């Protein structure tokens, strides 16, 4: 996993798996609640949906790239907001 700052505009985190990758037919649904590629009883399909919801709540983006048979890569981008100035 690689983490880093985004040149003052935002924060970015990348994670790449070396698993089998997801077929392109799965990608449009990958963030849908209860969608899973795992076998019965091995996953709820909520992990990516919850993560996506949290990232969107903070005005961010969660992107996925997959090459079947090679890898799946996720990228999370979050804006960096300056703290509000409090008057004394």
C-alpha atoms as a PDB file:
ATOM      1  CA  UNK A   1       0.000   0.000   0.000  1.00  0.00           C
ATOM      2  CA  UNK A   2       1.278   3.425  -0.887  1.00  0.00           C
ATOM      3  CA  UNK A   3       0.074   6.569   0.857  1.00  0.00           C
ATOM      4  CA  UNK A   4       1.007  10.143   0.196  1.00  0.00           C
ATOM      5  CA  UNK A   5       0.024  13.778   0.025  1.00  0.00           C
ATOM      6  CA  UNK A   6      -1.341  15.240  -3.173  1.00  0.00           C
ATOM      7  CA  UNK A   7       0.651  18.439  -3.765  1.00  0.00           C
ATOM      8  CA  UNK A   8      -1.511  20.576  -1.496  1.00  0.00           C
ATOM      9  CA  UNK A   9      -4.770  19.833  -3.352  1.00  0.00           C
ATOM     10  CA  UNK A  10      -5.706  16.620  -1.647  1.00  0.00           C
ATOM     11  CA  UNK A  11      -4.646  13.323  -0.192  1.00  0.00           C
ATOM     12  CA  UNK A  12      -4.342  10.091  -2.131  1.00  0.00           C
ATOM     13  CA  UNK A  13      -3.995   6.456  -1.093  1.00  0.00           C
ATOM     14  CA  UNK A  14      -3.383   3.550  -3.470  1.00  0.00           C
ATOM     15  CA  UNK A  15      -3.761  -0.131  -2.751  1.00  0.00           C
ATOM     16  CA  UNK A  16      -2.978  -2.908  -5.220  1.00  0.00           C
ATOM     17  CA  UNK A  17      -3.784  -6.587  -4.837  1.00  0.00           C
ATOM     18  CA  UNK A  18      -1.974  -9.350  -6.633  1.00  0.00           C
ATOM     19  CA  UNK A  19      -5.108 -11.471  -6.603  1.00  0.00           C
ATOM     20  CA  UNK A  20      -6.773 -12.656  -9.788  1.00  0.00           C
ATOM     21  CA  UNK A  21      -8.353  -9.295 -10.657  1.00  0.00           C
ATOM     22  CA  UNK A  22     -12.005  -8.690 -11.396  1.00  0.00           C
ATOM     23  CA  UNK A  23     -13.608  -9.190 -14.796  1.00  0.00           C
ATOM     24  CA  UNK A  24     -14.688  -5.958 -16.487  1.00  0.00           C
ATOM     25  CA  UNK A  25     -18.323  -7.092 -16.188  1.00  0.00           C
ATOM     26  CA  UNK A  26     -18.041  -6.834 -12.364  1.00  0.00           C
ATOM     27  CA  UNK A  27     -16.598  -3.307 -12.257  1.00  0.00           C
ATOM     28  CA  UNK A  28     -19.856  -1.343 -12.780  1.00  0.00           C
ATOM     29  CA  UNK A  29     -21.316  -3.050  -9.670  1.00  0.00           C
ATOM     30  CA  UNK A  30     -18.197  -3.300  -7.505  1.00  0.00           C
ATOM     31  CA  UNK A  31     -19.338  -0.567  -5.063  1.00  0.00           C
ATOM     32  CA  UNK A  32     -22.969  -1.779  -4.894  1.00  0.00           C
ATOM     33  CA  UNK A  33     -24.140  -2.971  -1.462  1.00  0.00           C
ATOM     34  CA  UNK A  34     -24.222  -6.776  -1.161  1.00  0.00           C
ATOM     35  CA  UNK A  35     -22.316  -7.326  -4.421  1.00  0.00           C
ATOM     36  CA  UNK A  36     -19.568  -9.896  -3.904  1.00  0.00           C
ATOM     37  CA  UNK A  37     -17.430 -12.144  -6.046  1.00  0.00           C
ATOM     38  CA  UNK A  38     -16.727 -14.425  -3.100  1.00  0.00           C
ATOM     39  CA  UNK A  39     -18.481 -17.712  -2.607  1.00  0.00           C
ATOM     40  CA  UNK A  40     -21.546 -18.207  -0.464  1.00  0.00           C
ATOM     41  CA  UNK A  41     -20.878 -17.497   3.214  1.00  0.00           C
ATOM     42  CA  UNK A  42     -17.466 -15.914   2.528  1.00  0.00           C
ATOM     43  CA  UNK A  43     -18.386 -12.257   2.270  1.00  0.00           C
ATOM     44  CA  UNK A  44     -21.278  -9.857   2.717  1.00  0.00           C
ATOM     45  CA  UNK A  45     -20.448  -7.488  -0.120  1.00  0.00           C
ATOM     46  CA  UNK A  46     -20.589  -4.496   2.194  1.00  0.00           C
ATOM     47  CA  UNK A  47     -16.908  -3.566   2.600  1.00  0.00           C
ATOM     48  CA  UNK A  48     -16.443  -1.621  -0.629  1.00  0.00           C
ATOM     49  CA  UNK A  49     -19.951  -0.131  -0.469  1.00  0.00           C
ATOM     50  CA  UNK A  50     -19.318   1.240   3.032  1.00  0.00           C
ATOM     51  CA  UNK A  51     -15.846   2.506   2.091  1.00  0.00           C
ATOM     52  CA  UNK A  52     -17.231   4.202  -1.008  1.00  0.00           C
ATOM     53  CA  UNK A  53     -19.980   5.875   1.048  1.00  0.00           C
ATOM     54  CA  UNK A  54     -17.495   7.243   3.585  1.00  0.00           C
ATOM     55  CA  UNK A  55     -15.175   8.578   0.887  1.00  0.00           C
ATOM     56  CA  UNK A  56     -18.097  10.271  -0.942  1.00  0.00           C
ATOM     57  CA  UNK A  57     -19.338  11.770   2.351  1.00  0.00           C
ATOM     58  CA  UNK A  58     -16.016  13.624   2.559  1.00  0.00           C
ATOM     59  CA  UNK A  59     -16.231  14.863  -1.064  1.00  0.00           C
ATOM     60  CA  UNK A  60     -13.686  12.305  -2.214  1.00  0.00           C
ATOM     61  CA  UNK A  61     -13.445   9.755  -4.981  1.00  0.00           C
ATOM     62  CA  UNK A  62     -12.781   6.024  -4.940  1.00  0.00           C
ATOM     63  CA  UNK A  63     -11.564   4.561  -8.212  1.00  0.00           C
ATOM     64  CA  UNK A  64     -10.853   0.995  -9.257  1.00  0.00           C
ATOM     65  CA  UNK A  65      -8.727  -0.488 -12.009  1.00  0.00           C
ATOM     66  CA  UNK A  66      -8.541  -4.216 -12.651  1.00  0.00           C
ATOM     67  CA  UNK A  67      -6.666  -6.449 -15.050  1.00  0.00           C
ATOM     68  CA  UNK A  68      -8.121  -9.972 -14.910  1.00  0.00           C
ATOM     69  CA  UNK A  69      -5.511 -12.551 -14.023  1.00  0.00           C
ATOM     70  CA  UNK A  70      -3.088  -9.882 -12.777  1.00  0.00           C
ATOM     71  CA  UNK A  71      -4.316  -7.337 -10.199  1.00  0.00           C
ATOM     72  CA  UNK A  72      -6.966  -4.991  -8.861  1.00  0.00           C
ATOM     73  CA  UNK A  73      -5.934  -1.473  -7.818  1.00  0.00           C
ATOM     74  CA  UNK A  74      -7.973   0.962  -5.728  1.00  0.00           C
ATOM     75  CA  UNK A  75      -7.291   4.678  -5.443  1.00  0.00           C
ATOM     76  CA  UNK A  76      -8.868   6.911  -2.808  1.00  0.00           C
ATOM     77  CA  UNK A  77      -8.675  10.672  -3.262  1.00  0.00           C
ATOM     78  CA  UNK A  78      -9.757  13.054  -0.501  1.00  0.00           C
ATOM     79  CA  UNK A  79      -9.673  16.852  -0.550  1.00  0.00           C
ATOM     80  CA  UNK A  80      -7.618  18.646   2.063  1.00  0.00           C
ATOM     81  CA  UNK A  81      -9.681  21.401   3.659  1.00  0.00           C
ATOM     82  CA  UNK A  82      -8.173  24.219   5.651  1.00  0.00           C
ATOM     83  CA  UNK A  83      -9.600  24.347   9.176  1.00  0.00           C
ATOM     84  CA  UNK A  84     -12.200  27.038   9.751  1.00  0.00           C
ATOM     85  CA  UNK A  85     -10.812  30.128  11.454  1.00  0.00           C
ATOM     86  CA  UNK A  86     -12.318  30.707  14.875  1.00  0.00           C
ATOM     87  CA  UNK A  87     -12.684  34.289  16.080  1.00  0.00           C
ATOM     88  CA  UNK A  88     -11.839  34.931  19.718  1.00  0.00           C
END
